[in-house]
Amino acid sequence: MSERRMIGSTMATACLLAGVATRARSRLPPSARLPTHWNIAGEPDGFLPAAPALFLPIALAMAVSAVFVIVARLEPLQQRMERSRALLDTAWGALLGLTAVIEVAVAAPAFGWHLPATLPLVAAGAVLAVIGNALPKSRPGFFVGLRTPWSIIDADNWVATHRLGAWTFIAAGVTIALAGLLPIEPGMRQALVIGGLVVALVPPVVWSWWLWRSRSSPARGGGPLD
């Protein structure tokens, strides 16, 4: 998907969320306060007046999209950026979806919807899993992917690191989503979320280092960039 189409998706998402926010605001009393932040256990722990709370996800969607546009423009290895475009667009779309879920969670009281407080946590887990599925669709670069000191200089290391990262991100995403869905204590939910994040990030970094270590010798340095 091209950058232009992703920008179009961003604008469509922002317009849809603005419609939901406007409708929800009209149904709430002036003194209403709505959740805008959830702790690592998935519990709401930050609240704002209705208007800023309802329009905050729209601002987040626009900010996320601006970051993706800037990252794509700043990448000095533009020829490799195109080969990582699938991962970039997948992450962009997944985060737009997350802002939509946050909007629904914030606006739910206005429509009388009784949604689980951990809905944003479930969505965050889904985002991790979706990004994990797309991780192998990338090539070495300075802004996209799991950029360890060893993977960024060796295309073989990059591919192997991202193949493992795909599995760990998916496993972490499923774990975090289940933590939000299962009726467990907040402390246990928090432990599962932290554990999931560790599983997502630490094994690929260690694997990348180990591959570099095992392949390094005086006669052979890092592999050429692909």
C-alpha atoms as a PDB file:
ATOM      1  CA  MET A   1       0.000   0.000   0.000  1.00  0.00           C
ATOM      2  CA  SER A   2       1.411   3.394  -0.951  1.00  0.00           C
ATOM      3  CA  GLU A   3       1.994   6.258   1.440  1.00  0.00           C
ATOM      4  CA  ARG A   4      -0.781   8.219  -0.278  1.00  0.00           C
ATOM      5  CA  ARG A   5      -3.282   5.465   0.429  1.00  0.00           C
ATOM      6  CA  MET A   6      -2.191   5.257   4.066  1.00  0.00           C
ATOM      7  CA  ILE A   7      -2.630   9.010   4.429  1.00  0.00           C
ATOM      8  CA  GLY A   8      -6.090   8.624   2.895  1.00  0.00           C
ATOM      9  CA  SER A   9      -6.848   5.849   5.419  1.00  0.00           C
ATOM     10  CA  THR A  10      -5.695   8.150   8.198  1.00  0.00           C
ATOM     11  CA  MET A  11      -8.013  10.939   7.077  1.00  0.00           C
ATOM     12  CA  ALA A  12     -10.945   8.528   6.737  1.00  0.00           C
ATOM     13  CA  THR A  13     -10.255   7.150  10.225  1.00  0.00           C
ATOM     14  CA  ALA A  14     -10.000  10.653  11.677  1.00  0.00           C
ATOM     15  CA  CYS A  15     -13.321  11.682  10.093  1.00  0.00           C
ATOM     16  CA  LEU A  16     -15.061   8.546  11.365  1.00  0.00           C
ATOM     17  CA  LEU A  17     -13.710   9.022  14.874  1.00  0.00           C
ATOM     18  CA  ALA A  18     -14.671  12.698  14.799  1.00  0.00           C
ATOM     19  CA  GLY A  19     -18.239  11.689  13.984  1.00  0.00           C
ATOM     20  CA  VAL A  20     -18.291   9.241  16.896  1.00  0.00           C
ATOM     21  CA  ALA A  21     -16.753  11.833  19.231  1.00  0.00           C
ATOM     22  CA  THR A  22     -19.234  14.541  18.235  1.00  0.00           C
ATOM     23  CA  ARG A  23     -22.201  12.231  18.678  1.00  0.00           C
ATOM     24  CA  ALA A  24     -20.923  10.949  22.024  1.00  0.00           C
ATOM     25  CA  ARG A  25     -20.268  14.477  23.306  1.00  0.00           C
ATOM     26  CA  SER A  26     -23.857  15.482  22.572  1.00  0.00           C
ATOM     27  CA  ARG A  27     -25.139  12.646  24.747  1.00  0.00           C
ATOM     28  CA  LEU A  28     -23.068  13.460  27.828  1.00  0.00           C
ATOM     29  CA  PRO A  29     -23.559  16.053  30.588  1.00  0.00           C
ATOM     30  CA  PRO A  30     -21.042  18.948  30.702  1.00  0.00           C
ATOM     31  CA  SER A  31     -19.459  17.568  33.873  1.00  0.00           C
ATOM     32  CA  ALA A  32     -18.745  14.118  32.432  1.00  0.00           C
ATOM     33  CA  ARG A  33     -15.207  12.769  32.673  1.00  0.00           C
ATOM     34  CA  LEU A  34     -14.009   9.853  30.538  1.00  0.00           C
ATOM     35  CA  PRO A  35     -11.007   7.484  30.698  1.00  0.00           C
ATOM     36  CA  THR A  36      -7.992   8.429  28.584  1.00  0.00           C
ATOM     37  CA  HIS A  37      -5.218   6.320  30.091  1.00  0.00           C
ATOM     38  CA  TRP A  38      -4.951   2.698  31.159  1.00  0.00           C
ATOM     39  CA  ASN A  39      -2.216   1.237  33.357  1.00  0.00           C
ATOM     40  CA  ILE A  40      -0.186  -1.819  32.436  1.00  0.00           C
ATOM     41  CA  ALA A  41      -2.829  -4.048  34.033  1.00  0.00           C
ATOM     42  CA  GLY A  42      -5.441  -2.623  31.669  1.00  0.00           C
ATOM     43  CA  GLU A  43      -7.260  -0.558  34.303  1.00  0.00           C
ATOM     44  CA  PRO A  44      -8.267   3.058  33.568  1.00  0.00           C
ATOM     45  CA  ASP A  45      -6.201   5.395  35.751  1.00  0.00           C
ATOM     46  CA  GLY A  46      -6.448   8.720  33.939  1.00  0.00           C
ATOM     47  CA  PHE A  47      -9.540  10.783  33.117  1.00  0.00           C
ATOM     48  CA  LEU A  48     -10.300  14.017  31.233  1.00  0.00           C
ATOM     49  CA  PRO A  49     -13.410  16.104  30.602  1.00  0.00           C
ATOM     50  CA  ALA A  50     -15.560  14.626  27.852  1.00  0.00           C
ATOM     51  CA  ALA A  51     -14.580  16.881  24.938  1.00  0.00           C
ATOM     52  CA  PRO A  52     -10.783  16.507  25.128  1.00  0.00           C
ATOM     53  CA  ALA A  53     -11.124  12.831  26.037  1.00  0.00           C
ATOM     54  CA  LEU A  54     -13.263  12.087  22.983  1.00  0.00           C
ATOM     55  CA  PHE A  55     -11.056  13.977  20.542  1.00  0.00           C
ATOM     56  CA  LEU A  56      -7.742  12.744  21.949  1.00  0.00           C
ATOM     57  CA  PRO A  57      -7.769   9.478  19.895  1.00  0.00           C
ATOM     58  CA  ILE A  58      -8.149  11.572  16.730  1.00  0.00           C
ATOM     59  CA  ALA A  59      -5.073  13.589  17.673  1.00  0.00           C
ATOM     60  CA  LEU A  60      -3.233  10.328  18.367  1.00  0.00           C
ATOM     61  CA  ALA A  61      -4.178   8.955  14.938  1.00  0.00           C
ATOM     62  CA  MET A  62      -2.878  12.082  13.236  1.00  0.00           C
ATOM     63  CA  ALA A  63       0.320  12.102  15.312  1.00  0.00           C
ATOM     64  CA  VAL A  64       1.007   8.426  14.588  1.00  0.00           C
ATOM     65  CA  SER A  65       0.560   9.011  10.878  1.00  0.00           C
ATOM     66  CA  ALA A  66       2.852  12.050  10.939  1.00  0.00           C
ATOM     67  CA  VAL A  67       5.563   9.943  12.575  1.00  0.00           C
ATOM     68  CA  PHE A  68       5.278   7.252   9.880  1.00  0.00           C
ATOM     69  CA  VAL A  69       5.472   9.835   7.093  1.00  0.00           C
ATOM     70  CA  ILE A  70       8.531  11.475   8.666  1.00  0.00           C
ATOM     71  CA  VAL A  71      10.267   8.135   9.272  1.00  0.00           C
ATOM     72  CA  ALA A  72       9.803   7.130   5.639  1.00  0.00           C
ATOM     73  CA  ARG A  73      11.235  10.441   4.448  1.00  0.00           C
ATOM     74  CA  LEU A  74      14.219  10.398   6.835  1.00  0.00           C
ATOM     75  CA  GLU A  75      15.408   6.901   5.922  1.00  0.00           C
ATOM     76  CA  PRO A  76      18.726   7.376   4.033  1.00  0.00           C
ATOM     77  CA  LEU A  77      18.513   3.893   2.473  1.00  0.00           C
ATOM     78  CA  GLN A  78      15.427   4.652   0.399  1.00  0.00           C
ATOM     79  CA  GLN A  79      15.839   1.636  -1.870  1.00  0.00           C
ATOM     80  CA  ARG A  80      15.579  -0.625   1.170  1.00  0.00           C
ATOM     81  CA  MET A  81      12.705   1.371   2.629  1.00  0.00           C
ATOM     82  CA  GLU A  82      10.575   0.247  -0.301  1.00  0.00           C
ATOM     83  CA  ARG A  83      11.372  -3.369   0.573  1.00  0.00           C
ATOM     84  CA  SER A  84      10.248  -2.662   4.150  1.00  0.00           C
ATOM     85  CA  ARG A  85       7.104  -0.848   3.065  1.00  0.00           C
ATOM     86  CA  ALA A  86       4.830  -3.792   3.923  1.00  0.00           C
ATOM     87  CA  LEU A  87       6.009  -3.749   7.544  1.00  0.00           C
ATOM     88  CA  LEU A  88       5.747   0.023   7.778  1.00  0.00           C
ATOM     89  CA  ASP A  89       2.202   0.093   6.390  1.00  0.00           C
ATOM     90  CA  THR A  90       1.110  -2.857   8.542  1.00  0.00           C
ATOM     91  CA  ALA A  91       2.317  -1.138  11.704  1.00  0.00           C
ATOM     92  CA  TRP A  92       0.709   2.130  10.581  1.00  0.00           C
ATOM     93  CA  GLY A  93      -2.646   0.490   9.899  1.00  0.00           C
ATOM     94  CA  ALA A  94      -2.544  -1.534  13.124  1.00  0.00           C
ATOM     95  CA  LEU A  95      -1.923   1.582  15.206  1.00  0.00           C
ATOM     96  CA  LEU A  96      -4.743   3.402  13.437  1.00  0.00           C
ATOM     97  CA  GLY A  97      -6.952   0.480  14.409  1.00  0.00           C
ATOM     98  CA  LEU A  98      -5.770   0.826  18.000  1.00  0.00           C
ATOM     99  CA  THR A  99      -6.785   4.502  18.061  1.00  0.00           C
ATOM    100  CA  ALA A 100     -10.237   3.463  16.826  1.00  0.00           C
ATOM    101  CA  VAL A 101     -10.546   0.944  19.652  1.00  0.00           C
ATOM    102  CA  ILE A 102      -9.458   3.596  22.149  1.00  0.00           C
ATOM    103  CA  GLU A 103     -12.146   5.923  20.759  1.00  0.00           C
ATOM    104  CA  VAL A 104     -14.767   3.225  21.251  1.00  0.00           C
ATOM    105  CA  ALA A 105     -13.556   2.564  24.804  1.00  0.00           C
ATOM    106  CA  VAL A 106     -13.655   6.281  25.659  1.00  0.00           C
ATOM    107  CA  ALA A 107     -17.051   6.915  24.037  1.00  0.00           C
ATOM    108  CA  ALA A 108     -18.754   3.751  25.323  1.00  0.00           C
ATOM    109  CA  PRO A 109     -20.420   5.361  28.393  1.00  0.00           C
ATOM    110  CA  ALA A 110     -22.134   7.938  26.166  1.00  0.00           C
ATOM    111  CA  PHE A 111     -23.916   5.167  24.254  1.00  0.00           C
ATOM    112  CA  GLY A 112     -24.631   2.955  27.244  1.00  0.00           C
ATOM    113  CA  TRP A 113     -22.172   0.320  26.113  1.00  0.00           C
ATOM    114  CA  HIS A 114     -20.722  -1.837  28.886  1.00  0.00           C
ATOM    115  CA  LEU A 115     -17.375  -2.820  27.447  1.00  0.00           C
ATOM    116  CA  PRO A 116     -14.525  -4.531  29.327  1.00  0.00           C
ATOM    117  CA  ALA A 117     -12.141  -1.996  30.827  1.00  0.00           C
ATOM    118  CA  THR A 118      -9.289  -4.061  29.397  1.00  0.00           C
ATOM    119  CA  LEU A 119     -10.450  -3.652  25.783  1.00  0.00           C
ATOM    120  CA  PRO A 120      -7.520  -1.335  24.869  1.00  0.00           C
ATOM    121  CA  LEU A 121      -5.108  -3.896  26.321  1.00  0.00           C
ATOM    122  CA  VAL A 122      -6.615  -6.637  24.146  1.00  0.00           C
ATOM    123  CA  ALA A 123      -6.265  -4.349  21.127  1.00  0.00           C
ATOM    124  CA  ALA A 124      -2.637  -3.587  22.007  1.00  0.00           C
ATOM    125  CA  GLY A 125      -1.921  -7.316  22.081  1.00  0.00           C
ATOM    126  CA  ALA A 126      -3.528  -7.699  18.676  1.00  0.00           C
ATOM    127  CA  VAL A 127      -1.353  -4.875  17.328  1.00  0.00           C
ATOM    128  CA  LEU A 128       1.797  -6.665  18.513  1.00  0.00           C
ATOM    129  CA  ALA A 129       0.691  -9.906  16.861  1.00  0.00           C
ATOM    130  CA  VAL A 130      -0.141  -8.172  13.578  1.00  0.00           C
ATOM    131  CA  ILE A 131       3.200  -6.366  13.519  1.00  0.00           C
ATOM    132  CA  GLY A 132       4.962  -9.621  14.352  1.00  0.00           C
ATOM    133  CA  ASN A 133       3.383 -11.314  11.359  1.00  0.00           C
ATOM    134  CA  ALA A 134       4.827  -8.586   9.117  1.00  0.00           C
ATOM    135  CA  LEU A 135       8.313  -8.389  10.659  1.00  0.00           C
ATOM    136  CA  PRO A 136       9.980 -10.723   8.103  1.00  0.00           C
ATOM    137  CA  LYS A 137       8.806  -8.365   5.329  1.00  0.00           C
ATOM    138  CA  SER A 138      11.633  -5.916   5.884  1.00  0.00           C
ATOM    139  CA  ARG A 139      15.262  -5.318   5.002  1.00  0.00           C
ATOM    140  CA  PRO A 140      18.093  -3.562   6.879  1.00  0.00           C
ATOM    141  CA  GLY A 141      17.473   0.113   7.493  1.00  0.00           C
ATOM    142  CA  PHE A 142      17.880   2.770  10.140  1.00  0.00           C
ATOM    143  CA  PHE A 143      14.231   3.294  11.169  1.00  0.00           C
ATOM    144  CA  VAL A 144      12.097   0.202  10.441  1.00  0.00           C
ATOM    145  CA  GLY A 145      12.387  -3.208  12.081  1.00  0.00           C
ATOM    146  CA  LEU A 146      14.397  -4.733  14.928  1.00  0.00           C
ATOM    147  CA  ARG A 147      17.528  -2.645  14.519  1.00  0.00           C
ATOM    148  CA  THR A 148      20.212  -4.316  16.619  1.00  0.00           C
ATOM    149  CA  PRO A 149      23.864  -3.303  16.112  1.00  0.00           C
ATOM    150  CA  TRP A 150      24.451  -6.708  14.508  1.00  0.00           C
ATOM    151  CA  SER A 151      21.387  -7.047  12.276  1.00  0.00           C
ATOM    152  CA  ILE A 152      21.716  -3.617  10.719  1.00  0.00           C
ATOM    153  CA  ILE A 153      25.128  -4.461   9.210  1.00  0.00           C
ATOM    154  CA  ASP A 154      24.402  -8.037   8.129  1.00  0.00           C
ATOM    155  CA  ALA A 155      21.465  -8.942   5.905  1.00  0.00           C
ATOM    156  CA  ASP A 156      21.537 -12.610   6.944  1.00  0.00           C
ATOM    157  CA  ASN A 157      21.488 -11.608  10.601  1.00  0.00           C
ATOM    158  CA  TRP A 158      18.602  -9.219   9.886  1.00  0.00           C
ATOM    159  CA  VAL A 159      16.517 -11.929   8.218  1.00  0.00           C
ATOM    160  CA  ALA A 160      17.157 -14.465  10.995  1.00  0.00           C
ATOM    161  CA  THR A 161      16.472 -11.914  13.731  1.00  0.00           C
ATOM    162  CA  HIS A 162      13.181 -10.884  12.164  1.00  0.00           C
ATOM    163  CA  ARG A 163      12.055 -14.449  11.591  1.00  0.00           C
ATOM    164  CA  LEU A 164      12.488 -15.139  15.292  1.00  0.00           C
ATOM    165  CA  GLY A 165      11.008 -11.743  16.144  1.00  0.00           C
ATOM    166  CA  ALA A 166       7.885 -12.632  14.197  1.00  0.00           C
ATOM    167  CA  TRP A 167       7.249 -15.596  16.498  1.00  0.00           C
ATOM    168  CA  THR A 168       8.092 -13.730  19.698  1.00  0.00           C
ATOM    169  CA  PHE A 169       5.936 -10.726  18.798  1.00  0.00           C
ATOM    170  CA  ILE A 170       2.997 -12.971  17.923  1.00  0.00           C
ATOM    171  CA  ALA A 171       3.435 -14.954  21.143  1.00  0.00           C
ATOM    172  CA  ALA A 172       3.638 -11.735  23.144  1.00  0.00           C
ATOM    173  CA  GLY A 173       0.605 -10.277  21.409  1.00  0.00           C
ATOM    174  CA  VAL A 174      -1.493 -13.371  22.078  1.00  0.00           C
ATOM    175  CA  THR A 175      -0.338 -13.417  25.712  1.00  0.00           C
ATOM    176  CA  ILE A 176      -1.220  -9.759  26.247  1.00  0.00           C
ATOM    177  CA  ALA A 177      -4.590 -10.139  24.508  1.00  0.00           C
ATOM    178  CA  LEU A 178      -5.417 -13.157  26.673  1.00  0.00           C
ATOM    179  CA  ALA A 179      -4.334 -11.236  29.762  1.00  0.00           C
ATOM    180  CA  GLY A 180      -6.950  -8.643  28.868  1.00  0.00           C
ATOM    181  CA  LEU A 181      -9.652 -11.220  28.148  1.00  0.00           C
ATOM    182  CA  LEU A 182      -9.227 -13.614  31.062  1.00  0.00           C
ATOM    183  CA  PRO A 183     -10.851 -12.884  34.444  1.00  0.00           C
ATOM    184  CA  ILE A 184      -7.614 -12.687  36.441  1.00  0.00           C
ATOM    185  CA  GLU A 185      -6.263 -10.440  39.173  1.00  0.00           C
ATOM    186  CA  PRO A 186      -4.689  -7.119  38.083  1.00  0.00           C
ATOM    187  CA  GLY A 187      -1.319  -8.164  39.487  1.00  0.00           C
ATOM    188  CA  MET A 188      -1.291 -11.330  37.404  1.00  0.00           C
ATOM    189  CA  ARG A 189      -2.438  -9.388  34.335  1.00  0.00           C
ATOM    190  CA  GLN A 190       0.385  -6.898  34.819  1.00  0.00           C
ATOM    191  CA  ALA A 191       2.912  -9.736  35.155  1.00  0.00           C
ATOM    192  CA  LEU A 192       1.671 -11.301  31.913  1.00  0.00           C
ATOM    193  CA  VAL A 193       1.940  -7.994  30.062  1.00  0.00           C
ATOM    194  CA  ILE A 194       5.490  -7.367  31.283  1.00  0.00           C
ATOM    195  CA  GLY A 195       6.431 -10.969  30.552  1.00  0.00           C
ATOM    196  CA  GLY A 196       4.966 -10.691  27.069  1.00  0.00           C
ATOM    197  CA  LEU A 197       6.993  -7.565  26.301  1.00  0.00           C
ATOM    198  CA  VAL A 198      10.171  -9.247  27.527  1.00  0.00           C
ATOM    199  CA  VAL A 199       9.438 -12.289  25.359  1.00  0.00           C
ATOM    200  CA  ALA A 200       8.831 -10.040  22.352  1.00  0.00           C
ATOM    201  CA  LEU A 201      12.065  -8.066  22.582  1.00  0.00           C
ATOM    202  CA  VAL A 202      14.779  -9.944  24.444  1.00  0.00           C
ATOM    203  CA  PRO A 203      15.086 -13.231  22.463  1.00  0.00           C
ATOM    204  CA  PRO A 204      15.520 -11.513  19.044  1.00  0.00           C
ATOM    205  CA  VAL A 205      18.220  -9.211  20.445  1.00  0.00           C
ATOM    206  CA  VAL A 206      20.079 -12.109  22.088  1.00  0.00           C
ATOM    207  CA  TRP A 207      19.694 -14.218  18.929  1.00  0.00           C
ATOM    208  CA  SER A 208      21.042 -11.393  16.774  1.00  0.00           C
ATOM    209  CA  TRP A 209      24.071 -11.027  19.036  1.00  0.00           C
ATOM    210  CA  TRP A 210      24.660 -14.795  19.146  1.00  0.00           C
ATOM    211  CA  LEU A 211      24.547 -15.076  15.358  1.00  0.00           C
ATOM    212  CA  TRP A 212      27.074 -12.265  15.021  1.00  0.00           C
ATOM    213  CA  ARG A 213      29.269 -13.812  17.707  1.00  0.00           C
ATOM    214  CA  SER A 214      29.168 -17.286  16.208  1.00  0.00           C
ATOM    215  CA  ARG A 215      29.914 -16.062  12.674  1.00  0.00           C
ATOM    216  CA  SER A 216      32.599 -13.543  13.544  1.00  0.00           C
ATOM    217  CA  SER A 217      36.233 -14.467  12.968  1.00  0.00           C
ATOM    218  CA  PRO A 218      39.436 -12.662  11.937  1.00  0.00           C
ATOM    219  CA  ALA A 219      38.833 -13.866   8.391  1.00  0.00           C
ATOM    220  CA  ARG A 220      35.167 -12.866   8.228  1.00  0.00           C
ATOM    221  CA  GLY A 221      33.393  -9.741   9.368  1.00  0.00           C
ATOM    222  CA  GLY A 222      29.728  -8.899   9.090  1.00  0.00           C
ATOM    223  CA  GLY A 223      27.925  -9.936   5.940  1.00  0.00           C
ATOM    224  CA  PRO A 224      27.145  -7.436   3.189  1.00  0.00           C
ATOM    225  CA  LEU A 225      23.988  -5.403   3.324  1.00  0.00           C
ATOM    226  CA  ASP A 226      21.284  -6.690   1.017  1.00  0.00           C
END
